[in-house]
Amino acid sequence: MEKTLRVKLILLLIGIIFLTGCRLMRDITYDGDHPELFSVGIQSLLGARGYEEGHLSLPNIKIISEDNYGRILFSYREDRIDSYLIIQMVDGDHAFFYPYYHFILNYGIMPNPAPNSFSFGFTDAEIDELKEANRWNQPMGDQSEFESVPIIRLKENGPVSDELLIETFFEMFPDVNLRSSQTAISRMRFLRIDRYGRSIYFVAEHGLQRGEPYFAIILQPDHSFDLETGILKITNINNYQTELRLFMEENGWNEPWEE
């Protein structure tokens, strides 16, 4: 037990030395025409990093249609993520959307695909259902019903330190043997924070190249993590909206924080 702990601590120290440098080298700034759509995509879709991993190129973002009230249906494609999303509006430096059910997606496991080289496509019925859930061509709803995210051009690492994320990973998977702490970090992708500082991350136990199982975790505003209630094992990576909603609600998402 003590030997295992020492090995993990050594890996942690080695990883911390070069984690920041490695991350900066892989940061790709979005310089396209639709930062508001980019911002909604990377802060809505579990696993999105904001660029094509294998080719270090920008994600493919395309406007599909716009309704009579300014809503936009668009596609966001990045590595294995192929998705349609609807944004409700933009106000100042923030983009607004209905929470949880504003996207549909297919998450394909493909080794090193060429950039933007595939699309699973969606049926007319799936697109119509997405539009209906987001009040397509209906008068704009109360803004208080929307979720908002800041408009950004670079995917953030999140508020939790690398050291704590590595500890959290090994707490979740104590039997996983990794060559470096960098590997643990690469399997954890920040999604977004709520109004009170909670943060949600996407976690792949065996790495995204190898596929499931996938998880979502929530850390509270003080960066504490509950192994019982703060982790969600995703049962269907292509249809997790409802279980993610229930998980976020259970963990007090967007509710006042009480220590």
Protein backbone atom coordinates (compact mmCIF):
# COMPACT_ATOMS: atom_id res chain seq x y z
CA MET A 1 0.00 0.00 0.00
CA GLU A 2 2.78 2.44 1.00
CA LYS A 3 4.78 1.51 -2.11
CA THR A 4 1.78 2.22 -4.34
CA LEU A 5 1.28 5.60 -2.65
CA ARG A 6 4.96 6.50 -3.12
CA VAL A 7 4.79 5.63 -6.82
CA LYS A 8 1.72 7.79 -7.30
CA LEU A 9 3.35 10.72 -5.46
CA ILE A 10 6.46 10.43 -7.64
CA LEU A 11 4.32 10.42 -10.78
CA LEU A 12 2.47 13.44 -9.44
CA LEU A 13 5.67 15.42 -8.88
CA ILE A 14 7.09 14.50 -12.29
CA GLY A 15 3.87 15.45 -14.01
CA ILE A 16 3.57 18.82 -12.28
CA ILE A 17 7.01 19.86 -13.56
CA PHE A 18 5.96 19.80 -17.20
CA LEU A 19 2.16 19.81 -17.17
CA THR A 20 1.78 23.55 -17.63
CA GLY A 21 4.27 23.70 -20.48
CA CYS A 22 2.68 20.79 -22.32
CA ARG A 23 -0.77 22.30 -22.02
CA LEU A 24 0.31 25.64 -23.38
CA MET A 25 1.90 23.98 -26.39
CA ARG A 26 -1.42 22.32 -27.24
CA ASP A 27 -3.66 25.35 -26.69
CA ILE A 28 -5.28 26.35 -29.97
CA THR A 29 -7.08 29.70 -30.12
CA TYR A 30 -10.25 29.81 -32.16
CA ASP A 31 -9.92 32.57 -34.77
CA GLY A 32 -13.04 31.77 -36.78
CA ASP A 33 -16.12 33.89 -37.41
CA HIS A 34 -18.41 32.38 -34.77
CA PRO A 35 -16.86 32.56 -31.28
CA GLU A 36 -20.34 32.50 -29.71
CA LEU A 37 -21.07 29.14 -31.36
CA PHE A 38 -17.61 27.84 -30.51
CA SER A 39 -18.19 28.86 -26.88
CA VAL A 40 -21.50 27.03 -26.62
CA GLY A 41 -20.05 23.92 -28.25
CA ILE A 42 -17.00 23.53 -26.02
CA GLN A 43 -18.96 24.37 -22.85
CA SER A 44 -21.87 22.02 -23.60
CA LEU A 45 -20.40 18.81 -25.02
CA LEU A 46 -18.62 16.46 -22.67
CA GLY A 47 -15.14 15.76 -23.97
CA ALA A 48 -14.86 18.77 -26.29
CA ARG A 49 -11.41 20.36 -26.16
CA GLY A 50 -11.76 23.16 -28.74
CA TYR A 51 -9.50 21.73 -31.42
CA GLU A 52 -8.79 18.58 -33.42
CA GLU A 53 -6.37 16.59 -31.29
CA GLY A 54 -4.55 14.62 -33.96
CA HIS A 55 -4.05 17.56 -36.35
CA LEU A 56 -4.13 20.54 -33.96
CA SER A 57 -6.66 22.25 -36.23
CA LEU A 58 -9.82 24.18 -35.38
CA PRO A 59 -13.15 22.41 -34.96
CA ASN A 60 -15.59 22.55 -37.87
CA ILE A 61 -18.48 24.90 -37.06
CA LYS A 62 -21.25 25.47 -39.57
CA ILE A 63 -24.53 27.39 -39.32
CA ILE A 64 -27.36 25.14 -40.52
CA SER A 65 -30.32 27.50 -40.18
CA GLU A 66 -31.73 30.46 -38.26
CA ASP A 67 -35.30 30.93 -37.05
CA ASN A 68 -37.48 34.04 -37.10
CA TYR A 69 -36.32 35.11 -33.62
CA GLY A 70 -32.58 34.81 -34.09
CA ARG A 71 -32.00 31.30 -32.76
CA ILE A 72 -29.25 29.46 -34.60
CA LEU A 73 -29.01 25.76 -35.36
CA PHE A 74 -25.38 24.84 -36.00
CA SER A 75 -23.09 21.85 -36.27
CA TYR A 76 -19.96 21.38 -34.20
CA ARG A 77 -17.46 18.70 -35.20
CA GLU A 78 -14.25 17.90 -33.41
CA ASP A 79 -12.35 14.62 -33.50
CA ARG A 80 -14.97 12.05 -32.44
CA ILE A 81 -17.73 14.55 -31.66
CA ASP A 82 -20.37 15.18 -34.30
CA SER A 83 -23.19 17.36 -32.99
CA TYR A 84 -26.02 19.77 -33.71
CA LEU A 85 -26.73 22.54 -31.19
CA ILE A 86 -29.15 25.45 -30.83
CA ILE A 87 -28.16 28.79 -29.35
CA GLN A 88 -30.97 31.08 -28.21
CA MET A 89 -29.29 34.47 -28.17
CA VAL A 90 -26.17 36.51 -27.51
CA ASP A 91 -26.15 39.33 -24.98
CA GLY A 92 -22.90 41.21 -24.48
CA ASP A 93 -20.10 38.79 -23.69
CA HIS A 94 -22.35 35.79 -23.04
CA ALA A 95 -24.18 33.21 -25.17
CA PHE A 96 -27.49 31.74 -24.00
CA PHE A 97 -29.15 28.36 -24.52
CA TYR A 98 -31.72 26.10 -22.91
CA PRO A 99 -29.86 23.79 -20.51
CA TYR A 100 -29.35 20.08 -21.10
CA TYR A 101 -31.50 19.56 -24.21
CA HIS A 102 -29.97 22.05 -26.62
CA PHE A 103 -27.87 19.48 -28.49
CA ILE A 104 -27.84 16.07 -30.10
CA LEU A 105 -24.65 14.20 -30.85
CA ASN A 106 -22.84 11.11 -32.00
CA TYR A 107 -19.54 10.31 -30.35
CA GLY A 108 -17.54 8.11 -32.72
CA ILE A 109 -14.48 6.16 -31.71
CA MET A 110 -12.10 6.61 -34.63
CA PRO A 111 -8.29 6.40 -34.40
CA ASN A 112 -6.65 9.61 -35.64
CA PRO A 113 -9.30 10.69 -38.16
CA ALA A 114 -8.45 13.34 -40.72
CA PRO A 115 -9.85 16.72 -39.68
CA ASN A 116 -13.60 17.03 -40.30
CA SER A 117 -13.53 13.86 -42.36
CA PHE A 118 -16.65 12.19 -41.04
CA SER A 119 -20.23 12.87 -40.09
CA PHE A 120 -22.75 10.45 -38.69
CA GLY A 121 -25.62 12.72 -39.69
CA PHE A 122 -28.97 13.14 -37.98
CA THR A 123 -32.46 12.25 -39.15
CA ASP A 124 -35.10 14.88 -39.85
CA ALA A 125 -37.04 13.53 -36.87
CA GLU A 126 -34.06 14.05 -34.54
CA ILE A 127 -33.53 17.59 -35.79
CA ASP A 128 -37.25 18.42 -35.50
CA GLU A 129 -37.26 17.11 -31.91
CA LEU A 130 -34.24 19.26 -31.10
CA LYS A 131 -35.96 22.32 -32.56
CA GLU A 132 -39.15 21.64 -30.63
CA ALA A 133 -37.28 21.30 -27.34
CA ASN A 134 -35.68 24.69 -27.99
CA ARG A 135 -38.87 26.54 -29.04
CA TRP A 136 -37.78 26.95 -32.64
CA ASN A 137 -39.74 29.76 -34.36
CA GLN A 138 -41.62 30.48 -31.12
CA PRO A 139 -41.43 33.84 -29.32
CA MET A 140 -38.29 34.12 -27.22
CA GLY A 141 -38.71 32.79 -23.69
CA ASP A 142 -37.75 34.38 -20.40
CA GLN A 143 -34.00 34.83 -20.27
CA SER A 144 -33.99 33.42 -16.72
CA GLU A 145 -34.79 30.01 -18.24
CA PHE A 146 -31.52 29.98 -20.15
CA GLU A 147 -28.05 28.82 -19.23
CA SER A 148 -25.28 31.24 -20.18
CA VAL A 149 -21.59 30.83 -20.86
CA PRO A 150 -18.91 33.45 -21.51
CA ILE A 151 -17.89 33.92 -25.14
CA ILE A 152 -14.29 32.74 -25.38
CA ARG A 153 -11.81 31.74 -28.06
CA LEU A 154 -9.65 29.39 -25.99
CA LYS A 155 -10.77 26.38 -23.99
CA GLU A 156 -10.01 26.91 -20.32
CA ASN A 157 -8.36 24.33 -18.09
CA GLY A 158 -10.88 24.94 -15.31
CA PRO A 159 -10.59 26.25 -11.74
CA VAL A 160 -9.25 23.06 -10.14
CA SER A 161 -5.48 22.63 -9.93
CA ASP A 162 -3.72 19.86 -11.83
CA GLU A 163 -2.52 18.40 -8.55
CA LEU A 164 -6.07 18.03 -7.23
CA LEU A 165 -7.35 16.65 -10.53
CA ILE A 166 -4.65 13.97 -10.49
CA GLU A 167 -5.57 13.07 -6.89
CA THR A 168 -9.23 12.88 -7.91
CA PHE A 169 -8.43 10.62 -10.86
CA PHE A 170 -6.55 8.15 -8.68
CA GLU A 171 -9.30 8.30 -6.07
CA MET A 172 -11.76 7.28 -8.78
CA PHE A 173 -9.50 4.62 -10.29
CA PRO A 174 -7.08 3.40 -7.60
CA ASP A 175 -6.10 0.32 -9.62
CA VAL A 176 -5.20 2.14 -12.84
CA ASN A 177 -1.47 2.14 -13.56
CA LEU A 178 -0.26 5.10 -15.60
CA ARG A 179 3.17 5.99 -16.91
CA SER A 180 2.79 9.63 -15.91
CA SER A 181 0.45 12.07 -14.24
CA GLN A 182 0.20 13.80 -17.61
CA THR A 183 -1.78 10.77 -18.77
CA ALA A 184 -4.30 11.24 -15.95
CA ILE A 185 -4.77 14.90 -16.86
CA SER A 186 -5.23 14.04 -20.54
CA ARG A 187 -8.18 11.86 -19.57
CA MET A 188 -9.97 14.71 -17.76
CA ARG A 189 -11.56 17.54 -19.73
CA PHE A 190 -13.12 20.60 -18.16
CA LEU A 191 -16.63 21.52 -19.31
CA ARG A 192 -17.78 24.63 -17.41
CA ILE A 193 -18.53 26.16 -14.01
CA ASP A 194 -21.87 27.17 -12.52
CA ARG A 195 -22.85 30.52 -10.99
CA TYR A 196 -21.35 29.57 -7.62
CA GLY A 197 -18.08 27.99 -8.67
CA ARG A 198 -18.93 24.30 -9.03
CA SER A 199 -17.05 22.70 -11.90
CA ILE A 200 -17.86 19.72 -14.08
CA TYR A 201 -15.35 17.54 -15.92
CA PHE A 202 -15.49 14.68 -18.40
CA VAL A 203 -13.33 11.68 -17.46
CA ALA A 204 -12.29 8.67 -19.54
CA GLU A 205 -10.96 5.80 -17.46
CA HIS A 206 -9.05 4.09 -20.28
CA GLY A 207 -8.45 7.10 -22.51
CA LEU A 208 -10.58 8.53 -25.26
CA GLN A 209 -8.84 6.54 -27.97
CA ARG A 210 -9.92 3.30 -26.36
CA GLY A 211 -13.52 4.26 -25.63
CA GLU A 212 -15.81 3.65 -22.68
CA PRO A 213 -16.30 3.76 -19.78
CA TYR A 214 -16.85 7.50 -19.54
CA PHE A 215 -17.75 9.56 -16.50
CA ALA A 216 -18.75 13.06 -15.46
CA ILE A 217 -17.60 14.47 -12.13
CA ILE A 218 -18.58 17.58 -10.21
CA LEU A 219 -16.33 19.38 -7.75
CA GLN A 220 -17.91 21.83 -5.34
CA PRO A 221 -16.88 25.52 -5.09
CA ASP A 222 -14.24 24.63 -2.47
CA HIS A 223 -12.97 21.99 -4.95
CA SER A 224 -14.09 19.13 -2.71
CA PHE A 225 -15.13 15.90 -4.41
CA ASP A 226 -17.61 13.31 -3.09
CA LEU A 227 -16.85 9.84 -4.42
CA GLU A 228 -20.44 8.77 -3.69
CA THR A 229 -22.48 11.63 -5.18
CA GLY A 230 -19.96 13.55 -7.31
CA ILE A 231 -19.44 10.97 -10.04
CA LEU A 232 -21.71 9.85 -12.88
CA LYS A 233 -20.98 6.83 -15.04
CA ILE A 234 -22.39 7.62 -18.47
CA THR A 235 -24.46 4.76 -19.81
CA ASN A 236 -24.82 6.08 -23.38
CA ILE A 237 -22.29 8.61 -24.66
CA ASN A 238 -24.66 9.55 -27.49
CA ASN A 239 -27.69 10.17 -25.29
CA TYR A 240 -26.70 11.36 -21.81
CA GLN A 241 -28.68 14.60 -21.57
CA THR A 242 -31.25 13.43 -19.02
CA GLU A 243 -28.86 11.54 -16.74
CA LEU A 244 -26.50 14.53 -16.84
CA ARG A 245 -29.37 16.85 -15.89
CA LEU A 246 -30.34 14.67 -12.91
CA PHE A 247 -26.71 14.39 -11.84
CA MET A 248 -26.12 18.14 -11.98
CA GLU A 249 -29.35 18.85 -10.10
CA GLU A 250 -28.41 16.30 -7.43
CA ASN A 251 -25.13 18.12 -6.91
CA GLY A 252 -26.79 21.52 -6.54
CA TRP A 253 -25.81 22.93 -9.93
CA ASN A 254 -26.52 26.68 -10.05
CA GLU A 255 -27.91 26.58 -6.50
CA PRO A 256 -26.43 28.73 -3.71
CA TRP A 257 -23.40 27.14 -2.07
CA GLU A 258 -23.45 26.33 1.62
CA GLU A 259 -20.32 24.85 3.22
